[in-house]
Amino acid sequence: MDDRRKLKLWYILALVVLIVLTIVRLKTFKDPHGALLLTLVDFLAVLGLCFDHDYDMQCCKNCGILSFIGAALDVSISIELFSKASMSDAALTENFSKTSILFLAHLVYALVELAWALLCYYVCRQAEVEIWNSSDGVLVATQEEARIYGAALQWTERRHVSSTQGYGSAKEAAESFVGTAVKLP
């Protein structure tokens, strides 16, 4: 099995784990906001798989960014839960197990989301390397595309020169044109 297929398999397996964790987060922990963010991550990952033959790079980048943000939010929630639990002595005796479970759950979610963000980064990096290696660093254009690009580049250079010379109007710019006149049809 080549590297690309292995990477796609890992991507799909990690996506299935992320979808399961999203459902667990919504049903068990009653956390609709965190589950909504994970649902967006899942949705982007599924879209990325559907758009391209392997994975769409833009969806993968956005999915990784959202996952990283979710991991940062979960870390902040777990720090908040830890500080609340350690601040009050009553919490240690009564609600310690519930607070510690929530703390560990948010910590696990943060680690999973961070791992997903790193996987997305790796997938995007491999896709960029693959695209760069397949193109040999050369952009190929047809003769017509090269002609259009050349004309647009010359027009931009002329506009830049005329704007630096300080022509006050289009008439002055046309009168100072040194090329041959061509009558348009």
N, C-alpha and C. Protein backbone atom coordinates (compact mmCIF):
# COMPACT_ATOMS: atom_id res chain seq x y z
N MET A 1 0.85 -1.17 0.00
CA MET A 1 0.00 0.00 0.00
C MET A 1 0.90 1.24 0.00
N ASP A 2 0.66 2.14 -0.95
CA ASP A 2 1.50 3.32 -1.02
C ASP A 2 1.15 4.32 0.08
N ASP A 3 2.02 5.32 0.23
CA ASP A 3 1.88 6.28 1.33
C ASP A 3 0.60 7.09 1.24
N ARG A 4 0.21 7.42 0.02
CA ARG A 4 -1.00 8.23 -0.14
C ARG A 4 -2.25 7.49 0.31
N ARG A 5 -2.31 6.23 0.01
CA ARG A 5 -3.48 5.43 0.43
C ARG A 5 -3.48 5.20 1.93
N LYS A 6 -2.29 4.99 2.51
CA LYS A 6 -2.20 4.85 3.97
C LYS A 6 -2.64 6.13 4.67
N LEU A 7 -2.20 7.26 4.13
CA LEU A 7 -2.58 8.54 4.71
C LEU A 7 -4.08 8.77 4.62
N LYS A 8 -4.67 8.40 3.50
CA LYS A 8 -6.13 8.55 3.34
C LYS A 8 -6.86 7.63 4.31
N LEU A 9 -6.34 6.42 4.51
CA LEU A 9 -6.95 5.50 5.46
C LEU A 9 -6.89 6.05 6.88
N TRP A 10 -5.74 6.59 7.28
CA TRP A 10 -5.61 7.20 8.61
C TRP A 10 -6.54 8.40 8.75
N TYR A 11 -6.66 9.17 7.68
CA TYR A 11 -7.54 10.34 7.69
C TYR A 11 -9.00 9.93 7.91
N ILE A 12 -9.42 8.89 7.21
CA ILE A 12 -10.81 8.43 7.34
C ILE A 12 -11.05 7.81 8.71
N LEU A 13 -10.09 7.01 9.21
CA LEU A 13 -10.25 6.42 10.54
C LEU A 13 -10.30 7.50 11.62
N ALA A 14 -9.44 8.50 11.51
CA ALA A 14 -9.46 9.59 12.49
C ALA A 14 -10.75 10.38 12.39
N LEU A 15 -11.28 10.52 11.19
CA LEU A 15 -12.56 11.21 11.01
C LEU A 15 -13.70 10.45 11.67
N VAL A 16 -13.70 9.13 11.54
CA VAL A 16 -14.73 8.31 12.19
C VAL A 16 -14.64 8.45 13.71
N VAL A 17 -13.42 8.42 14.25
CA VAL A 17 -13.23 8.60 15.70
C VAL A 17 -13.72 9.98 16.13
N LEU A 18 -13.44 10.99 15.33
CA LEU A 18 -13.88 12.35 15.66
C LEU A 18 -15.40 12.46 15.63
N ILE A 19 -16.04 11.81 14.67
CA ILE A 19 -17.51 11.83 14.61
C ILE A 19 -18.11 11.13 15.82
N VAL A 20 -17.53 10.00 16.22
CA VAL A 20 -18.02 9.29 17.41
C VAL A 20 -17.85 10.15 18.65
N LEU A 21 -16.70 10.80 18.78
CA LEU A 21 -16.48 11.67 19.94
C LEU A 21 -17.42 12.88 19.94
N THR A 22 -17.79 13.34 18.78
CA THR A 22 -18.76 14.43 18.69
C THR A 22 -20.11 13.99 19.23
N ILE A 23 -20.53 12.79 18.84
CA ILE A 23 -21.81 12.27 19.32
C ILE A 23 -21.76 12.04 20.82
N VAL A 24 -20.66 11.49 21.32
CA VAL A 24 -20.51 11.27 22.77
C VAL A 24 -20.54 12.60 23.51
N ARG A 25 -19.90 13.60 22.94
CA ARG A 25 -19.87 14.91 23.60
C ARG A 25 -21.26 15.51 23.69
N LEU A 26 -22.05 15.33 22.66
CA LEU A 26 -23.39 15.90 22.66
C LEU A 26 -24.33 15.11 23.57
N LYS A 27 -24.29 13.79 23.49
CA LYS A 27 -25.25 12.97 24.23
C LYS A 27 -24.85 12.78 25.70
N THR A 28 -23.59 12.51 25.96
CA THR A 28 -23.17 12.18 27.32
C THR A 28 -22.86 13.41 28.15
N PHE A 29 -22.09 14.32 27.59
CA PHE A 29 -21.64 15.47 28.37
C PHE A 29 -22.56 16.68 28.25
N LYS A 30 -23.58 16.58 27.41
CA LYS A 30 -24.54 17.67 27.23
C LYS A 30 -23.83 19.00 26.96
N ASP A 31 -22.89 18.97 26.04
CA ASP A 31 -22.11 20.15 25.68
C ASP A 31 -22.42 20.52 24.23
N PRO A 32 -23.51 21.27 23.99
CA PRO A 32 -23.90 21.55 22.60
C PRO A 32 -22.93 22.48 21.89
N HIS A 33 -22.30 23.39 22.61
CA HIS A 33 -21.39 24.33 21.95
C HIS A 33 -20.12 23.64 21.46
N GLY A 34 -19.54 22.81 22.29
CA GLY A 34 -18.36 22.06 21.87
C GLY A 34 -18.71 21.06 20.78
N ALA A 35 -19.89 20.44 20.90
CA ALA A 35 -20.31 19.49 19.87
C ALA A 35 -20.58 20.20 18.54
N LEU A 36 -21.09 21.42 18.61
CA LEU A 36 -21.32 22.18 17.38
C LEU A 36 -20.01 22.50 16.68
N LEU A 37 -19.00 22.89 17.43
CA LEU A 37 -17.70 23.16 16.83
C LEU A 37 -17.10 21.89 16.22
N LEU A 38 -17.22 20.78 16.93
CA LEU A 38 -16.73 19.51 16.39
C LEU A 38 -17.54 19.07 15.17
N THR A 39 -18.84 19.39 15.16
CA THR A 39 -19.67 19.06 14.00
C THR A 39 -19.21 19.84 12.78
N LEU A 40 -18.84 21.10 12.97
CA LEU A 40 -18.30 21.88 11.85
C LEU A 40 -16.99 21.28 11.35
N VAL A 41 -16.15 20.84 12.27
CA VAL A 41 -14.89 20.20 11.88
C VAL A 41 -15.18 18.92 11.09
N ASP A 42 -16.12 18.11 11.59
CA ASP A 42 -16.49 16.87 10.90
C ASP A 42 -17.05 17.16 9.51
N PHE A 43 -17.91 18.18 9.44
CA PHE A 43 -18.54 18.53 8.16
C PHE A 43 -17.50 18.98 7.14
N LEU A 44 -16.56 19.80 7.57
CA LEU A 44 -15.50 20.24 6.67
C LEU A 44 -14.63 19.06 6.21
N ALA A 45 -14.37 18.14 7.10
CA ALA A 45 -13.55 16.98 6.74
C ALA A 45 -14.27 16.09 5.72
N VAL A 46 -15.57 15.91 5.92
CA VAL A 46 -16.35 15.11 4.97
C VAL A 46 -16.43 15.82 3.62
N LEU A 47 -16.64 17.14 3.64
CA LEU A 47 -16.64 17.90 2.38
C LEU A 47 -15.31 17.79 1.67
N GLY A 48 -14.23 17.86 2.44
CA GLY A 48 -12.90 17.74 1.84
C GLY A 48 -12.70 16.40 1.16
N LEU A 49 -13.28 15.35 1.71
CA LEU A 49 -13.17 14.03 1.08
C LEU A 49 -14.06 13.93 -0.16
N CYS A 50 -15.19 14.62 -0.14
CA CYS A 50 -16.13 14.53 -1.26
C CYS A 50 -15.72 15.36 -2.46
N PHE A 51 -15.03 16.49 -2.24
CA PHE A 51 -14.71 17.40 -3.34
C PHE A 51 -13.61 16.88 -4.24
N ASP A 52 -12.63 16.22 -3.69
CA ASP A 52 -11.47 15.83 -4.47
C ASP A 52 -11.33 14.32 -4.43
N HIS A 53 -10.41 13.78 -5.21
CA HIS A 53 -10.22 12.35 -5.22
C HIS A 53 -9.57 11.85 -3.93
N ASP A 54 -8.80 12.70 -3.26
CA ASP A 54 -8.23 12.34 -1.96
C ASP A 54 -8.83 13.21 -0.86
N TYR A 55 -8.48 14.48 -0.86
CA TYR A 55 -9.00 15.44 0.10
C TYR A 55 -8.72 16.83 -0.44
N ASP A 56 -9.68 17.71 -0.27
CA ASP A 56 -9.54 19.07 -0.73
C ASP A 56 -8.64 19.83 0.24
N MET A 57 -7.63 20.50 -0.28
CA MET A 57 -6.66 21.14 0.59
C MET A 57 -7.25 22.30 1.37
N GLN A 58 -8.14 23.08 0.75
CA GLN A 58 -8.72 24.22 1.46
C GLN A 58 -9.61 23.76 2.61
N CYS A 59 -10.43 22.74 2.35
CA CYS A 59 -11.26 22.20 3.43
C CYS A 59 -10.39 21.60 4.53
N CYS A 60 -9.31 20.94 4.14
CA CYS A 60 -8.42 20.33 5.12
C CYS A 60 -7.74 21.40 5.98
N LYS A 61 -7.32 22.50 5.36
CA LYS A 61 -6.69 23.59 6.12
C LYS A 61 -7.69 24.20 7.10
N ASN A 62 -8.89 24.49 6.60
CA ASN A 62 -9.91 25.08 7.48
C ASN A 62 -10.30 24.13 8.60
N CYS A 63 -10.38 22.85 8.29
CA CYS A 63 -10.70 21.84 9.30
C CYS A 63 -9.62 21.80 10.38
N GLY A 64 -8.37 21.86 9.98
CA GLY A 64 -7.28 21.87 10.94
C GLY A 64 -7.28 23.12 11.81
N ILE A 65 -7.58 24.27 11.20
CA ILE A 65 -7.62 25.51 11.97
C ILE A 65 -8.76 25.47 12.99
N LEU A 66 -9.95 25.04 12.56
CA LEU A 66 -11.08 24.94 13.49
C LEU A 66 -10.80 23.94 14.60
N SER A 67 -10.15 22.86 14.27
CA SER A 67 -9.82 21.86 15.28
C SER A 67 -8.81 22.41 16.28
N PHE A 68 -7.85 23.16 15.81
CA PHE A 68 -6.88 23.77 16.72
C PHE A 68 -7.55 24.77 17.65
N ILE A 69 -8.48 25.56 17.11
CA ILE A 69 -9.23 26.50 17.95
C ILE A 69 -10.05 25.75 18.99
N GLY A 70 -10.69 24.65 18.57
CA GLY A 70 -11.46 23.84 19.52
C GLY A 70 -10.58 23.25 20.61
N ALA A 71 -9.37 22.83 20.24
CA ALA A 71 -8.44 22.29 21.23
C ALA A 71 -8.04 23.37 22.24
N ALA A 72 -7.80 24.58 21.75
CA ALA A 72 -7.44 25.68 22.65
C ALA A 72 -8.60 25.99 23.60
N LEU A 73 -9.82 25.97 23.08
CA LEU A 73 -10.99 26.22 23.94
C LEU A 73 -11.15 25.12 24.99
N ASP A 74 -10.94 23.87 24.59
CA ASP A 74 -11.07 22.77 25.54
C ASP A 74 -9.98 22.82 26.60
N VAL A 75 -8.79 23.22 26.24
CA VAL A 75 -7.72 23.38 27.23
C VAL A 75 -8.10 24.46 28.22
N SER A 76 -8.65 25.57 27.74
CA SER A 76 -9.04 26.64 28.66
C SER A 76 -10.18 26.20 29.58
N ILE A 77 -11.12 25.41 29.07
CA ILE A 77 -12.20 24.90 29.91
C ILE A 77 -11.66 23.93 30.95
N SER A 78 -10.72 23.08 30.55
CA SER A 78 -10.17 22.12 31.52
C SER A 78 -9.35 22.84 32.59
N ILE A 79 -8.64 23.89 32.23
CA ILE A 79 -7.91 24.68 33.23
C ILE A 79 -8.89 25.35 34.18
N GLU A 80 -9.98 25.86 33.64
CA GLU A 80 -11.00 26.48 34.48
C GLU A 80 -11.62 25.47 35.45
N LEU A 81 -11.92 24.27 34.95
CA LEU A 81 -12.48 23.24 35.82
C LEU A 81 -11.49 22.82 36.90
N PHE A 82 -10.23 22.71 36.54
CA PHE A 82 -9.20 22.33 37.51
C PHE A 82 -9.05 23.40 38.59
N SER A 83 -9.07 24.66 38.17
CA SER A 83 -8.90 25.73 39.16
C SER A 83 -10.12 25.84 40.07
N LYS A 84 -11.31 25.60 39.54
CA LYS A 84 -12.51 25.63 40.38
C LYS A 84 -12.50 24.48 41.39
N ALA A 85 -12.03 23.33 40.95
CA ALA A 85 -12.00 22.17 41.83
C ALA A 85 -10.97 22.34 42.94
N SER A 86 -9.85 22.96 42.63
CA SER A 86 -8.82 23.10 43.64
C SER A 86 -9.05 24.30 44.55
N MET A 87 -9.93 25.22 44.18
CA MET A 87 -10.18 26.42 44.98
C MET A 87 -11.08 26.14 46.19
N SER A 88 -12.07 25.30 46.01
CA SER A 88 -13.02 25.10 47.11
C SER A 88 -12.82 23.72 47.74
N ASP A 89 -12.87 23.68 49.04
CA ASP A 89 -12.72 22.41 49.75
C ASP A 89 -13.98 21.56 49.64
N ALA A 90 -15.13 22.21 49.50
CA ALA A 90 -16.39 21.46 49.37
C ALA A 90 -16.41 20.69 48.06
N ALA A 91 -15.82 21.24 47.03
CA ALA A 91 -15.79 20.56 45.74
C ALA A 91 -14.94 19.29 45.81
N LEU A 92 -13.95 19.29 46.68
CA LEU A 92 -13.10 18.11 46.79
C LEU A 92 -13.86 16.93 47.39
N THR A 93 -14.78 17.20 48.29
CA THR A 93 -15.49 16.10 48.93
C THR A 93 -16.74 15.69 48.18
N GLU A 94 -17.50 16.65 47.67
CA GLU A 94 -18.79 16.31 47.06
C GLU A 94 -18.70 16.04 45.56
N ASN A 95 -18.20 17.00 44.81
CA ASN A 95 -18.26 16.93 43.36
C ASN A 95 -16.90 16.66 42.72
N PHE A 96 -15.99 16.10 43.48
CA PHE A 96 -14.67 15.88 42.94
C PHE A 96 -14.69 14.91 41.76
N SER A 97 -15.46 13.86 41.89
CA SER A 97 -15.48 12.86 40.80
C SER A 97 -16.09 13.45 39.53
N LYS A 98 -17.16 14.22 39.66
CA LYS A 98 -17.79 14.82 38.49
C LYS A 98 -16.87 15.86 37.86
N THR A 99 -16.25 16.69 38.68
CA THR A 99 -15.34 17.72 38.17
C THR A 99 -14.11 17.08 37.53
N SER A 100 -13.58 16.04 38.16
CA SER A 100 -12.39 15.40 37.59
C SER A 100 -12.72 14.69 36.28
N ILE A 101 -13.91 14.11 36.18
CA ILE A 101 -14.31 13.46 34.92
C ILE A 101 -14.46 14.49 33.82
N LEU A 102 -15.09 15.63 34.12
CA LEU A 102 -15.23 16.68 33.12
C LEU A 102 -13.86 17.25 32.74
N PHE A 103 -12.99 17.40 33.76
CA PHE A 103 -11.64 17.89 33.48
C PHE A 103 -10.91 16.95 32.53
N LEU A 104 -10.94 15.66 32.83
CA LEU A 104 -10.26 14.69 31.98
C LEU A 104 -10.91 14.59 30.60
N ALA A 105 -12.23 14.71 30.54
CA ALA A 105 -12.92 14.65 29.25
C ALA A 105 -12.50 15.82 28.36
N HIS A 106 -12.47 17.01 28.92
CA HIS A 106 -12.06 18.17 28.11
C HIS A 106 -10.59 18.08 27.73
N LEU A 107 -9.79 17.52 28.60
CA LEU A 107 -8.38 17.33 28.27
C LEU A 107 -8.21 16.31 27.14
N VAL A 108 -8.98 15.24 27.19
CA VAL A 108 -8.93 14.23 26.12
C VAL A 108 -9.42 14.83 24.80
N TYR A 109 -10.52 15.59 24.86
CA TYR A 109 -11.01 16.23 23.64
C TYR A 109 -9.98 17.21 23.08
N ALA A 110 -9.31 17.94 23.95
CA ALA A 110 -8.28 18.88 23.48
C ALA A 110 -7.15 18.12 22.79
N LEU A 111 -6.74 17.00 23.37
CA LEU A 111 -5.66 16.22 22.75
C LEU A 111 -6.08 15.62 21.41
N VAL A 112 -7.32 15.14 21.35
CA VAL A 112 -7.83 14.56 20.09
C VAL A 112 -7.92 15.64 19.02
N GLU A 113 -8.44 16.82 19.39
CA GLU A 113 -8.55 17.90 18.42
C GLU A 113 -7.18 18.40 17.97
N LEU A 114 -6.25 18.45 18.88
CA LEU A 114 -4.89 18.84 18.51
C LEU A 114 -4.26 17.80 17.59
N ALA A 115 -4.48 16.53 17.87
CA ALA A 115 -3.98 15.47 16.98
C ALA A 115 -4.62 15.58 15.60
N TRP A 116 -5.91 15.90 15.56
CA TRP A 116 -6.61 16.06 14.27
C TRP A 116 -6.03 17.25 13.51
N ALA A 117 -5.76 18.35 14.22
CA ALA A 117 -5.18 19.52 13.56
C ALA A 117 -3.79 19.19 13.00
N LEU A 118 -3.00 18.42 13.73
CA LEU A 118 -1.68 18.03 13.24
C LEU A 118 -1.79 17.08 12.04
N LEU A 119 -2.78 16.19 12.08
CA LEU A 119 -3.01 15.30 10.94
C LEU A 119 -3.41 16.11 9.71
N CYS A 120 -4.27 17.09 9.89
CA CYS A 120 -4.67 17.95 8.76
C CYS A 120 -3.47 18.72 8.21
N TYR A 121 -2.62 19.21 9.10
CA TYR A 121 -1.42 19.91 8.66
C TYR A 121 -0.52 18.97 7.85
N TYR A 122 -0.35 17.76 8.34
CA TYR A 122 0.49 16.79 7.64
C TYR A 122 -0.09 16.43 6.28
N VAL A 123 -1.42 16.24 6.23
CA VAL A 123 -2.08 15.90 4.97
C VAL A 123 -1.90 17.03 3.96
N CYS A 124 -2.11 18.27 4.41
CA CYS A 124 -1.95 19.42 3.51
C CYS A 124 -0.51 19.56 3.04
N ARG A 125 0.44 19.33 3.93
CA ARG A 125 1.84 19.43 3.58
C ARG A 125 2.20 18.36 2.54
N GLN A 126 1.72 17.15 2.73
CA GLN A 126 2.00 16.08 1.76
C GLN A 126 1.36 16.37 0.41
N ALA A 127 0.15 16.91 0.43
CA ALA A 127 -0.52 17.24 -0.83
C ALA A 127 0.22 18.35 -1.57
N GLU A 128 0.72 19.35 -0.84
CA GLU A 128 1.49 20.42 -1.47
C GLU A 128 2.79 19.87 -2.07
N VAL A 129 3.45 19.00 -1.34
CA VAL A 129 4.69 18.40 -1.85
C VAL A 129 4.40 17.58 -3.09
N GLU A 130 3.30 16.85 -3.07
CA GLU A 130 2.94 16.02 -4.22
C GLU A 130 2.61 16.89 -5.43
N ILE A 131 1.89 17.98 -5.21
CA ILE A 131 1.56 18.87 -6.32
C ILE A 131 2.82 19.50 -6.88
N TRP A 132 3.72 19.94 -6.00
CA TRP A 132 4.94 20.58 -6.45
C TRP A 132 5.83 19.60 -7.21
N ASN A 133 5.91 18.36 -6.73
CA ASN A 133 6.75 17.37 -7.40
C ASN A 133 6.19 16.96 -8.75
N SER A 134 4.86 16.95 -8.87
CA SER A 134 4.26 16.54 -10.14
C SER A 134 4.37 17.63 -11.19
N SER A 135 4.46 18.91 -10.78
CA SER A 135 4.52 19.98 -11.76
C SER A 135 5.95 20.37 -12.12
N ASP A 136 6.93 19.86 -11.43
CA ASP A 136 8.35 20.16 -11.66
C ASP A 136 8.65 21.65 -11.57
N GLY A 137 7.81 22.41 -10.89
CA GLY A 137 8.06 23.83 -10.69
C GLY A 137 7.81 24.68 -11.91
N VAL A 138 7.26 24.10 -12.97
CA VAL A 138 7.04 24.82 -14.21
C VAL A 138 5.54 24.94 -14.44
N LEU A 139 5.10 26.15 -14.69
CA LEU A 139 3.70 26.36 -15.03
C LEU A 139 3.58 26.34 -16.55
N VAL A 140 2.68 25.54 -17.06
CA VAL A 140 2.51 25.37 -18.49
C VAL A 140 1.29 26.17 -18.93
N ALA A 141 1.45 26.94 -19.99
CA ALA A 141 0.34 27.71 -20.55
C ALA A 141 0.30 27.49 -22.05
N THR A 142 -0.88 27.61 -22.61
CA THR A 142 -1.00 27.52 -24.06
C THR A 142 -0.48 28.80 -24.68
N GLN A 143 -0.31 28.79 -25.99
CA GLN A 143 0.18 29.98 -26.69
C GLN A 143 -0.79 31.14 -26.51
N GLU A 144 -2.07 30.86 -26.55
CA GLU A 144 -3.08 31.91 -26.38
C GLU A 144 -3.03 32.50 -24.97
N GLU A 145 -2.90 31.64 -23.94
CA GLU A 145 -2.80 32.12 -22.56
C GLU A 145 -1.54 32.96 -22.36
N ALA A 146 -0.44 32.55 -22.97
CA ALA A 146 0.81 33.30 -22.85
C ALA A 146 0.68 34.66 -23.53
N ARG A 147 0.00 34.72 -24.68
CA ARG A 147 -0.21 35.99 -25.38
C ARG A 147 -1.06 36.94 -24.56
N ILE A 148 -2.14 36.42 -23.97
CA ILE A 148 -3.02 37.25 -23.13
C ILE A 148 -2.27 37.74 -21.90
N TYR A 149 -1.51 36.86 -21.28
CA TYR A 149 -0.74 37.25 -20.10
C TYR A 149 0.28 38.32 -20.45
N GLY A 150 0.96 38.15 -21.59
CA GLY A 150 1.95 39.13 -22.02
C GLY A 150 1.31 40.49 -22.29
N ALA A 151 0.14 40.50 -22.93
CA ALA A 151 -0.55 41.76 -23.20
C ALA A 151 -0.98 42.44 -21.91
N ALA A 152 -1.48 41.66 -20.98
CA ALA A 152 -1.90 42.24 -19.70
C ALA A 152 -0.70 42.78 -18.94
N LEU A 153 0.43 42.09 -19.00
CA LEU A 153 1.63 42.55 -18.33
C LEU A 153 2.14 43.85 -18.95
N GLN A 154 2.12 43.95 -20.29
CA GLN A 154 2.54 45.19 -20.96
C GLN A 154 1.61 46.33 -20.61
N TRP A 155 0.30 46.07 -20.57
CA TRP A 155 -0.66 47.11 -20.23
C TRP A 155 -0.42 47.62 -18.81
N THR A 156 -0.13 46.70 -17.89
CA THR A 156 0.14 47.09 -16.51
C THR A 156 1.41 47.93 -16.43
N GLU A 157 2.43 47.56 -17.18
CA GLU A 157 3.69 48.32 -17.18
C GLU A 157 3.48 49.71 -17.76
N ARG A 158 2.68 49.82 -18.83
CA ARG A 158 2.40 51.13 -19.43
C ARG A 158 1.64 52.01 -18.47
N ARG A 159 0.66 51.44 -17.78
CA ARG A 159 -0.12 52.23 -16.82
C ARG A 159 0.77 52.70 -15.68
N HIS A 160 1.69 51.84 -15.27
CA HIS A 160 2.60 52.22 -14.18
C HIS A 160 3.51 53.36 -14.62
N VAL A 161 4.03 53.28 -15.84
CA VAL A 161 4.91 54.33 -16.35
C VAL A 161 4.14 55.63 -16.49
N SER A 162 2.93 55.59 -17.04
CA SER A 162 2.16 56.83 -17.24
C SER A 162 1.74 57.43 -15.90
N SER A 163 1.48 56.61 -14.91
CA SER A 163 1.09 57.17 -13.62
C SER A 163 2.29 57.79 -12.90
N THR A 164 3.49 57.29 -13.15
CA THR A 164 4.66 57.88 -12.51
C THR A 164 5.11 59.15 -13.22
N GLN A 165 4.76 59.27 -14.52
CA GLN A 165 5.13 60.48 -15.24
C GLN A 165 4.17 61.63 -14.93
N GLY A 166 3.06 61.35 -14.35
CA GLY A 166 2.15 62.38 -13.88
C GLY A 166 1.29 62.99 -14.96
N TYR A 167 0.82 62.19 -15.91
CA TYR A 167 -0.09 62.73 -16.92
C TYR A 167 -1.41 63.10 -16.25
N GLY A 168 -1.93 64.22 -16.61
CA GLY A 168 -3.15 64.71 -15.98
C GLY A 168 -4.40 64.09 -16.55
N SER A 169 -4.39 63.67 -17.81
CA SER A 169 -5.62 63.14 -18.40
C SER A 169 -5.29 62.01 -19.35
N ALA A 170 -6.33 61.35 -19.81
CA ALA A 170 -6.14 60.26 -20.77
C ALA A 170 -5.68 60.81 -22.11
N LYS A 171 -6.12 62.05 -22.46
CA LYS A 171 -5.72 62.65 -23.72
C LYS A 171 -4.22 62.89 -23.75
N GLU A 172 -3.67 63.40 -22.65
CA GLU A 172 -2.23 63.62 -22.58
C GLU A 172 -1.47 62.30 -22.67
N ALA A 173 -2.01 61.26 -22.03
CA ALA A 173 -1.36 59.95 -22.08
C ALA A 173 -1.40 59.39 -23.49
N ALA A 174 -2.52 59.58 -24.21
CA ALA A 174 -2.63 59.08 -25.57
C ALA A 174 -1.73 59.86 -26.51
N GLU A 175 -1.59 61.17 -26.31
CA GLU A 175 -0.74 61.98 -27.16
C GLU A 175 0.74 61.65 -26.96
N SER A 176 1.11 61.23 -25.78
CA SER A 176 2.51 60.92 -25.52
C SER A 176 2.87 59.49 -25.90
N PHE A 177 1.92 58.73 -26.42
CA PHE A 177 2.19 57.34 -26.80
C PHE A 177 3.13 57.32 -27.99
N VAL A 178 4.20 56.53 -27.91
CA VAL A 178 5.23 56.53 -28.95
C VAL A 178 5.10 55.34 -29.90
N GLY A 179 4.17 54.46 -29.69
CA GLY A 179 4.03 53.28 -30.55
C GLY A 179 3.30 53.63 -31.84
N THR A 180 3.12 52.64 -32.71
CA THR A 180 2.40 52.84 -33.95
C THR A 180 0.90 52.80 -33.69
N ALA A 181 0.18 53.63 -34.41
CA ALA A 181 -1.26 53.71 -34.24
C ALA A 181 -1.93 52.59 -35.02
N VAL A 182 -2.88 51.95 -34.40
CA VAL A 182 -3.62 50.87 -35.04
C VAL A 182 -5.08 51.20 -34.90
N LYS A 183 -5.80 51.18 -36.03
CA LYS A 183 -7.22 51.48 -35.99
C LYS A 183 -7.97 50.21 -35.59
N LEU A 184 -8.78 50.33 -34.56
CA LEU A 184 -9.55 49.19 -34.09
C LEU A 184 -10.77 48.98 -34.95
N PRO A 185 -11.21 47.75 -35.12
CA PRO A 185 -12.39 47.50 -35.97
C PRO A 185 -13.67 48.01 -35.36
